Protein backbone atom coordinates (compact mmCIF):
# COMPACT_ATOMS: atom_id res chain seq x y z
CA MET A 1 0.00 0.00 0.00
CA ASN A 2 1.42 3.43 -0.92
CA TYR A 3 1.18 6.46 1.36
CA ASP A 4 2.34 10.07 1.16
CA THR A 5 3.79 10.19 4.69
CA PRO A 6 5.13 7.40 6.91
CA ILE A 7 2.80 5.96 9.54
CA SER A 8 5.27 3.20 10.44
CA LYS A 9 8.93 3.22 11.46
CA HIS A 10 9.61 0.74 8.62
CA TRP A 11 9.12 2.34 5.22
CA GLN A 12 10.82 3.04 1.89
CA LEU A 13 10.10 4.81 -1.35
CA ALA A 14 7.54 3.00 -3.50
CA PRO A 15 9.03 1.24 -6.53
CA ASN A 16 6.97 3.29 -8.99
CA GLY A 17 8.21 6.55 -7.43
CA ASN A 18 4.75 7.46 -6.12
CA GLY A 19 4.68 7.85 -2.34
CA ILE A 20 6.12 5.33 0.09
CA THR A 21 5.66 1.65 0.91
CA GLN A 22 5.35 0.47 4.51
CA GLY A 23 4.21 -2.39 6.72
CA ALA A 24 3.99 -5.85 5.13
CA ASP A 25 4.40 -4.28 1.67
CA ASP A 26 7.76 -2.87 2.78
CA ILE A 27 8.88 -6.32 3.96
CA ASP A 28 7.66 -7.86 0.70
CA LEU A 29 9.68 -5.33 -1.31
CA CYS A 30 12.78 -5.99 0.81
CA ILE A 31 12.46 -9.75 0.27
CA HIS A 32 12.08 -9.13 -3.45
CA HIS A 33 15.27 -7.01 -3.45
CA ILE A 34 17.19 -9.65 -1.49
CA LEU A 35 16.14 -12.50 -3.78
CA SER A 36 16.70 -10.46 -6.93
CA THR A 37 20.31 -9.69 -6.00
CA ARG A 38 23.10 -12.16 -6.63
CA LYS A 39 25.63 -12.25 -3.78
CA GLY A 40 28.58 -10.06 -4.69
CA ALA A 41 26.57 -7.81 -7.02
CA ASP A 42 26.32 -4.98 -4.47
CA VAL A 43 29.86 -3.57 -4.24
CA LEU A 44 29.27 -1.88 -0.88
CA ARG A 45 27.62 -4.99 0.61
CA PRO A 46 29.27 -8.02 -1.07
CA ASP A 47 27.46 -10.50 1.21
CA PHE A 48 24.02 -9.01 0.43
CA GLY A 49 21.65 -11.10 -1.66
CA SER A 50 21.24 -14.79 -2.30
CA ASN A 51 23.25 -17.63 -3.84
CA HIS A 52 20.13 -19.36 -5.20
CA PHE A 53 21.13 -18.20 -8.70
CA ASP A 54 23.96 -20.76 -8.64
CA TYR A 55 21.42 -23.59 -8.94
CA LEU A 56 19.23 -22.33 -11.79
CA ASP A 57 20.62 -24.76 -14.39
CA THR A 58 20.83 -27.85 -12.20
CA PRO A 59 18.58 -30.93 -12.16
CA GLU A 60 15.37 -30.61 -10.14
CA ASP A 61 16.58 -32.90 -7.32
CA VAL A 62 19.58 -30.59 -6.82
CA PHE A 63 17.76 -27.34 -7.60
CA ILE A 64 14.86 -27.48 -5.12
CA PRO A 65 16.63 -28.27 -1.81
CA ASN A 66 19.56 -25.95 -2.54
CA VAL A 67 17.41 -23.02 -3.65
CA VAL A 68 15.11 -23.43 -0.64
CA ARG A 69 18.16 -23.45 1.67
CA GLU A 70 19.69 -20.35 0.04
CA VAL A 71 16.39 -18.44 0.06
CA VAL A 72 15.71 -19.16 3.73
CA LEU A 73 19.31 -18.32 4.67
CA ALA A 74 19.22 -15.02 2.73
CA ILE A 75 15.94 -13.91 4.30
CA GLN A 76 17.07 -14.95 7.81
CA THR A 77 20.26 -12.94 7.30
CA TRP A 78 18.91 -9.78 5.66
CA GLU A 79 15.23 -9.47 6.64
CA LYS A 80 14.82 -10.12 10.36
CA ARG A 81 11.21 -8.87 10.27
CA ALA A 82 10.08 -11.94 8.26
CA VAL A 83 9.93 -15.66 9.00
CA VAL A 84 9.83 -17.99 5.99
CA GLU A 85 7.08 -20.59 6.24
CA ASN A 86 7.37 -22.24 2.82
CA VAL A 87 9.10 -21.96 -0.56
CA LYS A 88 7.23 -23.30 -3.60
CA PHE A 89 7.83 -23.31 -7.34
CA GLU A 90 5.47 -22.95 -10.31
CA GLY A 91 6.12 -23.53 -13.97
CA ASN A 92 8.80 -25.39 -15.88
CA ALA A 93 12.36 -24.48 -16.75
CA PRO A 94 13.40 -21.99 -17.95
CA HIS A 95 10.26 -20.11 -16.81
CA ILE A 96 9.99 -20.76 -13.08
CA THR A 97 8.22 -18.65 -10.50
CA MET A 98 9.42 -18.98 -6.93
CA ILE A 99 6.78 -18.29 -4.26
CA VAL A 100 8.09 -17.48 -0.80
CA GLN A 101 5.41 -17.70 1.88
CA TRP A 102 6.30 -15.72 4.99
CA ARG A 103 4.82 -14.02 8.02
CA VAL A 104 5.85 -11.01 10.06
CA ALA A 105 8.30 -12.20 12.74
CA ASP A 106 6.61 -10.44 15.68
CA GLU A 107 3.24 -12.05 15.02
CA ILE A 108 2.77 -15.54 16.47
CA TRP A 109 -0.30 -16.39 14.36
CA GLY A 110 0.20 -13.70 11.77
CA GLU A 111 -1.20 -13.50 8.30
CA LEU A 112 0.71 -15.47 5.67
CA HIS A 113 2.15 -13.29 2.88
CA GLN A 114 3.65 -14.28 -0.47
CA THR A 115 6.52 -12.86 -2.46
CA ARG A 116 6.70 -14.04 -6.08
CA ILE A 117 10.03 -14.05 -7.92
CA TYR A 118 9.95 -14.80 -11.64
CA SER A 119 13.19 -16.28 -12.95
CA GLY A 120 12.49 -16.73 -16.62
CA LYS A 121 15.17 -16.42 -19.25
């Protein structure tokens, strides 16, 4: 949800340049940034991002467990406000959509959110 002024201590500029994003939408955007960045791509933060890209061209039995591990590790490292509940995949190579189901860390029985990452070629 986009707003003109922050009503939360966690916020950032909206991706379309219109207003700001906050709350669960802010966390979703952060997760999207983390999983869209290959480790080493950010010169000022070489450990930022995820290594799941290393497994994109591997067989399914290697791809799934390794990508799930890398995604969970990246989110645990860089987005402490979220807890990953599940990582699923839709589609077939080379057009795969990764669906990360997560909840806000402070909420015991919180709403389940989804971040979708498309990794088509």
